[in-house]
Amino acid sequence: MELALKVDEVVGDESDDLLRWLHKERNLRGLAEVFTGGTEPPPPGSMGGIPLEVINVVLSNSIALGSLLTTLVAWRSSRPSPPPTVRIEVNGALVTLNTDDPEVIRSLIETLRNTSSGPASDDPNPALSSGS
């Protein structure tokens, strides 16, 4: 399963910090390949922080997805308030992680698993956003 992570920069260097965090995470060792994918232009109509660096993650199996999201939640909780939003893209579908609510996280995991197992959605607005 291939994912692209984009971090809304709140205080700067958030993407670099997340990349280091993912490389150090023991629960992802052997299950995930993590590398940067370059810089993206600001999204149209964006205000405030913008995702700059794209962090690509290749997971060895869909079970590792739970470990990845748990790691992302832990990383977000370590950041200054408000923590940055992490956007996760799989097969053209975008999921926004901006909460630590366990029920919402389970729902996001299921959405990402379903998205990764099928073709990209024809839905013009496939984003699933969750509030905290």
N, C-alpha and C. Protein backbone atom coordinates (compact mmCIF):
# COMPACT_ATOMS: atom_id res chain seq x y z
N MET A 1 0.84 -1.16 0.00
CA MET A 1 0.00 0.00 0.00
C MET A 1 0.89 1.23 0.00
N GLU A 2 0.63 2.15 -0.93
CA GLU A 2 1.39 3.38 -1.03
C GLU A 2 0.55 4.55 -0.56
N LEU A 3 1.16 5.39 0.28
CA LEU A 3 0.48 6.57 0.80
C LEU A 3 1.37 7.78 0.62
N ALA A 4 0.75 8.94 0.49
CA ALA A 4 1.49 10.21 0.47
C ALA A 4 0.99 11.03 1.65
N LEU A 5 1.92 11.46 2.50
CA LEU A 5 1.58 12.27 3.67
C LEU A 5 1.97 13.71 3.41
N LYS A 6 1.08 14.62 3.74
CA LYS A 6 1.37 16.06 3.61
C LYS A 6 1.01 16.71 4.93
N VAL A 7 1.93 17.49 5.45
CA VAL A 7 1.74 18.13 6.75
C VAL A 7 1.50 19.61 6.55
N ASP A 8 0.43 20.11 7.18
CA ASP A 8 0.22 21.55 7.19
C ASP A 8 1.25 22.14 8.13
N GLU A 9 2.13 22.95 7.60
CA GLU A 9 3.22 23.54 8.38
C GLU A 9 2.65 24.58 9.32
N VAL A 10 2.82 24.36 10.61
CA VAL A 10 2.34 25.29 11.62
C VAL A 10 3.49 26.15 12.12
N VAL A 11 4.59 25.51 12.50
CA VAL A 11 5.74 26.24 13.03
C VAL A 11 6.98 26.08 12.16
N GLY A 12 6.88 25.40 11.05
CA GLY A 12 8.02 25.20 10.16
C GLY A 12 8.76 23.91 10.46
N ASP A 13 9.30 23.30 9.45
CA ASP A 13 10.05 22.05 9.54
C ASP A 13 9.23 20.90 10.10
N GLU A 14 7.91 20.99 10.07
CA GLU A 14 7.07 19.90 10.56
C GLU A 14 7.28 18.64 9.74
N SER A 15 7.38 18.77 8.43
CA SER A 15 7.55 17.61 7.57
C SER A 15 8.87 16.90 7.87
N ASP A 16 9.93 17.68 8.07
CA ASP A 16 11.23 17.08 8.40
C ASP A 16 11.15 16.35 9.73
N ASP A 17 10.47 16.94 10.70
CA ASP A 17 10.34 16.32 12.01
C ASP A 17 9.54 15.02 11.90
N LEU A 18 8.46 15.04 11.13
CA LEU A 18 7.65 13.83 10.95
C LEU A 18 8.47 12.74 10.26
N LEU A 19 9.24 13.11 9.26
CA LEU A 19 10.08 12.13 8.57
C LEU A 19 11.04 11.46 9.54
N ARG A 20 11.70 12.25 10.38
CA ARG A 20 12.61 11.69 11.39
C ARG A 20 11.85 10.78 12.36
N TRP A 21 10.68 11.23 12.79
CA TRP A 21 9.86 10.47 13.73
C TRP A 21 9.50 9.10 13.12
N LEU A 22 9.08 9.09 11.86
CA LEU A 22 8.70 7.84 11.20
C LEU A 22 9.90 6.90 11.05
N HIS A 23 11.07 7.45 10.74
CA HIS A 23 12.27 6.62 10.61
C HIS A 23 12.66 5.98 11.94
N LYS A 24 12.37 6.66 13.06
CA LYS A 24 12.75 6.15 14.38
C LYS A 24 11.71 5.19 14.97
N GLU A 25 10.51 5.16 14.43
CA GLU A 25 9.42 4.39 15.02
C GLU A 25 9.65 2.88 14.89
N ARG A 26 9.81 2.22 16.01
CA ARG A 26 10.09 0.78 16.03
C ARG A 26 8.95 -0.05 15.47
N ASN A 27 7.71 0.38 15.70
CA ASN A 27 6.56 -0.40 15.22
C ASN A 27 6.43 -0.40 13.71
N LEU A 28 7.17 0.47 13.03
CA LEU A 28 7.11 0.52 11.56
C LEU A 28 8.31 -0.16 10.91
N ARG A 29 9.33 -0.48 11.69
CA ARG A 29 10.53 -1.11 11.12
C ARG A 29 10.19 -2.42 10.45
N GLY A 30 10.62 -2.55 9.22
CA GLY A 30 10.36 -3.75 8.45
C GLY A 30 8.98 -3.76 7.80
N LEU A 31 8.14 -2.82 8.16
CA LEU A 31 6.78 -2.76 7.62
C LEU A 31 6.56 -1.57 6.69
N ALA A 32 7.44 -0.57 6.79
CA ALA A 32 7.23 0.66 6.03
C ALA A 32 8.53 1.18 5.46
N GLU A 33 8.46 1.63 4.23
CA GLU A 33 9.56 2.36 3.60
C GLU A 33 9.11 3.81 3.55
N VAL A 34 9.93 4.70 4.10
CA VAL A 34 9.54 6.11 4.22
C VAL A 34 10.59 6.97 3.53
N PHE A 35 10.13 7.87 2.66
CA PHE A 35 11.05 8.75 1.94
C PHE A 35 10.30 10.00 1.49
N THR A 36 11.04 11.09 1.24
CA THR A 36 10.40 12.31 0.79
C THR A 36 10.16 12.26 -0.71
N GLY A 37 9.13 13.00 -1.11
CA GLY A 37 8.75 12.99 -2.51
C GLY A 37 8.79 14.34 -3.17
N GLY A 38 9.43 15.31 -2.54
CA GLY A 38 9.56 16.61 -3.19
C GLY A 38 8.64 17.65 -2.61
N THR A 39 8.49 18.72 -3.34
CA THR A 39 7.73 19.88 -2.89
C THR A 39 6.53 20.06 -3.77
N GLU A 40 5.43 20.46 -3.16
CA GLU A 40 4.21 20.73 -3.91
C GLU A 40 3.87 22.21 -3.82
N PRO A 41 3.18 22.72 -4.83
CA PRO A 41 2.72 24.11 -4.73
C PRO A 41 1.59 24.20 -3.72
N PRO A 42 1.30 25.40 -3.20
CA PRO A 42 0.18 25.55 -2.27
C PRO A 42 -1.12 25.13 -2.93
N PRO A 43 -2.03 24.50 -2.17
CA PRO A 43 -3.32 24.14 -2.75
C PRO A 43 -4.12 25.39 -3.10
N PRO A 44 -4.94 25.34 -4.15
CA PRO A 44 -5.73 26.50 -4.54
C PRO A 44 -6.63 26.97 -3.41
N GLY A 45 -6.66 28.26 -3.18
CA GLY A 45 -7.52 28.84 -2.16
C GLY A 45 -7.08 28.59 -0.73
N SER A 46 -5.84 28.11 -0.54
CA SER A 46 -5.39 27.80 0.82
C SER A 46 -5.07 29.07 1.58
N MET A 47 -5.24 28.98 2.89
CA MET A 47 -4.91 30.09 3.78
C MET A 47 -4.10 29.51 4.93
N GLY A 48 -3.18 30.26 5.47
CA GLY A 48 -2.40 29.78 6.61
C GLY A 48 -1.34 28.79 6.17
N GLY A 49 -1.07 27.79 7.04
CA GLY A 49 -0.04 26.79 6.77
C GLY A 49 -0.37 25.97 5.53
N ILE A 50 0.66 25.57 4.83
CA ILE A 50 0.46 24.77 3.62
C ILE A 50 1.36 23.55 3.67
N PRO A 51 0.91 22.44 3.09
CA PRO A 51 1.79 21.29 3.04
C PRO A 51 2.84 21.52 1.96
N LEU A 52 4.11 21.37 2.31
CA LEU A 52 5.17 21.57 1.34
C LEU A 52 5.80 20.24 0.94
N GLU A 53 6.39 19.57 1.91
CA GLU A 53 7.04 18.31 1.62
C GLU A 53 6.01 17.20 1.56
N VAL A 54 6.21 16.29 0.63
CA VAL A 54 5.39 15.09 0.56
C VAL A 54 6.24 13.96 1.08
N ILE A 55 5.71 13.26 2.06
CA ILE A 55 6.40 12.09 2.60
C ILE A 55 5.68 10.87 2.05
N ASN A 56 6.41 10.07 1.29
CA ASN A 56 5.84 8.85 0.74
C ASN A 56 6.08 7.70 1.69
N VAL A 57 5.06 6.89 1.88
CA VAL A 57 5.16 5.71 2.74
C VAL A 57 4.65 4.52 1.95
N VAL A 58 5.47 3.48 1.89
CA VAL A 58 5.06 2.23 1.27
C VAL A 58 4.99 1.21 2.39
N LEU A 59 3.78 0.71 2.65
CA LEU A 59 3.57 -0.27 3.71
C LEU A 59 3.61 -1.68 3.12
N SER A 60 4.19 -2.62 3.87
CA SER A 60 4.29 -3.99 3.39
C SER A 60 2.95 -4.70 3.41
N ASN A 61 2.03 -4.26 4.27
CA ASN A 61 0.70 -4.86 4.31
C ASN A 61 -0.27 -3.87 4.94
N SER A 62 -1.55 -4.16 4.81
CA SER A 62 -2.56 -3.22 5.33
C SER A 62 -2.63 -3.24 6.86
N ILE A 63 -2.11 -4.28 7.50
CA ILE A 63 -2.09 -4.32 8.95
C ILE A 63 -1.20 -3.20 9.49
N ALA A 64 -0.12 -2.88 8.78
CA ALA A 64 0.80 -1.82 9.18
C ALA A 64 0.14 -0.45 9.17
N LEU A 65 -0.99 -0.32 8.51
CA LEU A 65 -1.69 0.96 8.45
C LEU A 65 -2.09 1.43 9.84
N GLY A 66 -2.53 0.53 10.69
CA GLY A 66 -2.88 0.89 12.07
C GLY A 66 -1.69 1.44 12.82
N SER A 67 -0.53 0.80 12.63
CA SER A 67 0.69 1.29 13.28
C SER A 67 1.07 2.67 12.77
N LEU A 68 0.91 2.88 11.46
CA LEU A 68 1.23 4.19 10.89
C LEU A 68 0.33 5.27 11.48
N LEU A 69 -0.98 5.03 11.51
CA LEU A 69 -1.88 6.05 12.05
C LEU A 69 -1.64 6.28 13.54
N THR A 70 -1.36 5.23 14.30
CA THR A 70 -1.03 5.40 15.71
C THR A 70 0.21 6.27 15.87
N THR A 71 1.20 6.05 15.00
CA THR A 71 2.43 6.85 15.02
C THR A 71 2.13 8.30 14.67
N LEU A 72 1.27 8.52 13.68
CA LEU A 72 0.92 9.88 13.29
C LEU A 72 0.19 10.61 14.42
N VAL A 73 -0.71 9.91 15.11
CA VAL A 73 -1.43 10.52 16.23
C VAL A 73 -0.44 10.89 17.34
N ALA A 74 0.50 9.98 17.65
CA ALA A 74 1.50 10.26 18.69
C ALA A 74 2.37 11.45 18.30
N TRP A 75 2.76 11.52 17.02
CA TRP A 75 3.58 12.63 16.56
C TRP A 75 2.81 13.95 16.69
N ARG A 76 1.56 13.95 16.25
CA ARG A 76 0.75 15.17 16.35
C ARG A 76 0.63 15.64 17.79
N SER A 77 0.47 14.69 18.73
CA SER A 77 0.30 15.07 20.13
C SER A 77 1.58 15.64 20.73
N SER A 78 2.72 15.37 20.09
CA SER A 78 3.99 15.90 20.57
C SER A 78 4.28 17.31 20.06
N ARG A 79 3.47 17.80 19.16
CA ARG A 79 3.69 19.11 18.53
C ARG A 79 3.05 20.21 19.35
N PRO A 80 3.51 21.45 19.16
CA PRO A 80 2.88 22.59 19.85
C PRO A 80 1.42 22.72 19.44
N SER A 81 0.64 23.31 20.31
CA SER A 81 -0.77 23.49 20.04
C SER A 81 -0.97 24.70 19.13
N PRO A 82 -1.82 24.65 18.14
CA PRO A 82 -2.54 23.48 17.71
C PRO A 82 -1.64 22.57 16.89
N PRO A 83 -1.82 21.24 17.01
CA PRO A 83 -0.97 20.34 16.23
C PRO A 83 -1.30 20.43 14.74
N PRO A 84 -0.31 20.17 13.90
CA PRO A 84 -0.56 20.26 12.46
C PRO A 84 -1.50 19.17 11.98
N THR A 85 -2.20 19.48 10.92
CA THR A 85 -3.05 18.50 10.26
C THR A 85 -2.18 17.67 9.32
N VAL A 86 -2.44 16.37 9.26
CA VAL A 86 -1.73 15.50 8.34
C VAL A 86 -2.74 15.01 7.31
N ARG A 87 -2.42 15.21 6.06
CA ARG A 87 -3.29 14.74 4.97
C ARG A 87 -2.67 13.47 4.41
N ILE A 88 -3.50 12.44 4.27
CA ILE A 88 -3.03 11.14 3.80
C ILE A 88 -3.75 10.85 2.50
N GLU A 89 -2.96 10.62 1.45
CA GLU A 89 -3.55 10.33 0.14
C GLU A 89 -3.24 8.90 -0.26
N VAL A 90 -4.29 8.18 -0.66
CA VAL A 90 -4.16 6.81 -1.15
C VAL A 90 -5.03 6.70 -2.40
N ASN A 91 -4.44 6.28 -3.51
CA ASN A 91 -5.19 6.08 -4.76
C ASN A 91 -6.06 7.28 -5.12
N GLY A 92 -5.58 8.48 -4.88
CA GLY A 92 -6.32 9.68 -5.25
C GLY A 92 -7.33 10.14 -4.22
N ALA A 93 -7.59 9.33 -3.20
CA ALA A 93 -8.52 9.73 -2.13
C ALA A 93 -7.72 10.39 -1.02
N LEU A 94 -8.28 11.45 -0.46
CA LEU A 94 -7.60 12.22 0.57
C LEU A 94 -8.33 12.08 1.90
N VAL A 95 -7.59 11.74 2.95
CA VAL A 95 -8.12 11.64 4.30
C VAL A 95 -7.36 12.62 5.16
N THR A 96 -8.06 13.38 5.98
CA THR A 96 -7.44 14.38 6.83
C THR A 96 -7.43 13.88 8.27
N LEU A 97 -6.23 13.83 8.85
CA LEU A 97 -6.07 13.43 10.24
C LEU A 97 -5.85 14.68 11.08
N ASN A 98 -6.87 15.02 11.88
CA ASN A 98 -6.75 16.20 12.74
C ASN A 98 -7.42 15.95 14.09
N THR A 99 -7.35 14.70 14.55
CA THR A 99 -7.94 14.32 15.82
C THR A 99 -7.16 13.17 16.43
N ASP A 100 -7.40 12.92 17.73
CA ASP A 100 -6.84 11.73 18.35
C ASP A 100 -7.95 10.83 18.89
N ASP A 101 -9.18 11.08 18.48
CA ASP A 101 -10.33 10.29 18.88
C ASP A 101 -10.21 8.86 18.33
N PRO A 102 -10.17 7.83 19.20
CA PRO A 102 -9.96 6.45 18.75
C PRO A 102 -11.02 5.96 17.75
N GLU A 103 -12.27 6.35 17.95
CA GLU A 103 -13.32 5.92 17.02
C GLU A 103 -13.10 6.51 15.62
N VAL A 104 -12.73 7.77 15.58
CA VAL A 104 -12.47 8.42 14.29
C VAL A 104 -11.25 7.79 13.63
N ILE A 105 -10.22 7.49 14.42
CA ILE A 105 -9.01 6.87 13.87
C ILE A 105 -9.35 5.51 13.27
N ARG A 106 -10.17 4.71 13.97
CA ARG A 106 -10.58 3.40 13.42
C ARG A 106 -11.31 3.58 12.09
N SER A 107 -12.18 4.59 12.04
CA SER A 107 -12.91 4.87 10.81
C SER A 107 -11.96 5.28 9.68
N LEU A 108 -10.95 6.10 10.01
CA LEU A 108 -9.97 6.51 9.00
C LEU A 108 -9.18 5.31 8.49
N ILE A 109 -8.79 4.42 9.41
CA ILE A 109 -8.05 3.21 9.00
C ILE A 109 -8.90 2.39 8.03
N GLU A 110 -10.16 2.19 8.37
CA GLU A 110 -11.05 1.40 7.50
C GLU A 110 -11.23 2.08 6.14
N THR A 111 -11.39 3.40 6.16
CA THR A 111 -11.53 4.14 4.89
C THR A 111 -10.28 3.97 4.03
N LEU A 112 -9.11 4.10 4.64
CA LEU A 112 -7.86 3.96 3.88
C LEU A 112 -7.68 2.54 3.36
N ARG A 113 -8.02 1.54 4.17
CA ARG A 113 -7.91 0.15 3.71
C ARG A 113 -8.83 -0.10 2.53
N ASN A 114 -10.06 0.39 2.62
CA ASN A 114 -11.01 0.21 1.52
C ASN A 114 -10.55 0.93 0.26
N THR A 115 -9.99 2.12 0.43
CA THR A 115 -9.50 2.89 -0.70
C THR A 115 -8.32 2.21 -1.37
N SER A 116 -7.43 1.63 -0.56
CA SER A 116 -6.23 1.01 -1.12
C SER A 116 -6.53 -0.30 -1.82
N SER A 117 -7.64 -0.95 -1.47
CA SER A 117 -7.94 -2.24 -2.08
C SER A 117 -8.70 -2.11 -3.39
N GLY A 118 -9.24 -0.93 -3.66
CA GLY A 118 -10.00 -0.75 -4.88
C GLY A 118 -9.42 0.34 -5.74
N PRO A 119 -10.00 0.55 -6.93
CA PRO A 119 -9.54 1.63 -7.80
C PRO A 119 -9.88 2.98 -7.20
N ALA A 120 -9.22 4.00 -7.71
CA ALA A 120 -9.46 5.37 -7.22
C ALA A 120 -10.92 5.71 -7.41
N SER A 121 -11.47 6.43 -6.48
CA SER A 121 -12.87 6.80 -6.49
C SER A 121 -13.17 7.80 -7.59
N ASP A 122 -14.41 7.71 -8.13
CA ASP A 122 -14.85 8.70 -9.11
C ASP A 122 -15.47 9.91 -8.42
N ASP A 123 -15.60 9.83 -7.11
CA ASP A 123 -16.16 10.93 -6.34
C ASP A 123 -15.27 12.16 -6.47
N PRO A 124 -15.81 13.29 -6.91
CA PRO A 124 -14.96 14.49 -7.08
C PRO A 124 -14.46 15.05 -5.75
N ASN A 125 -15.09 14.69 -4.63
CA ASN A 125 -14.65 15.17 -3.32
C ASN A 125 -14.50 14.00 -2.37
N PRO A 126 -13.41 13.19 -2.52
CA PRO A 126 -13.26 12.00 -1.71
C PRO A 126 -12.70 12.26 -0.32
N ALA A 127 -12.54 13.52 0.06
CA ALA A 127 -11.91 13.83 1.35
C ALA A 127 -12.85 13.46 2.49
N LEU A 128 -12.25 12.85 3.51
CA LEU A 128 -12.97 12.56 4.75
C LEU A 128 -12.25 13.35 5.81
N SER A 129 -12.92 14.28 6.41
CA SER A 129 -12.29 15.11 7.42
C SER A 129 -12.92 14.82 8.76
N SER A 130 -12.09 14.84 9.79
CA SER A 130 -12.58 14.58 11.13
C SER A 130 -12.16 15.69 12.06
N GLY A 131 -13.06 16.13 12.89
CA GLY A 131 -12.74 17.17 13.86
C GLY A 131 -12.34 16.57 15.18
N SER A 132 -11.69 17.36 16.03
CA SER A 132 -11.28 16.82 17.32
C SER A 132 -12.28 17.05 18.39
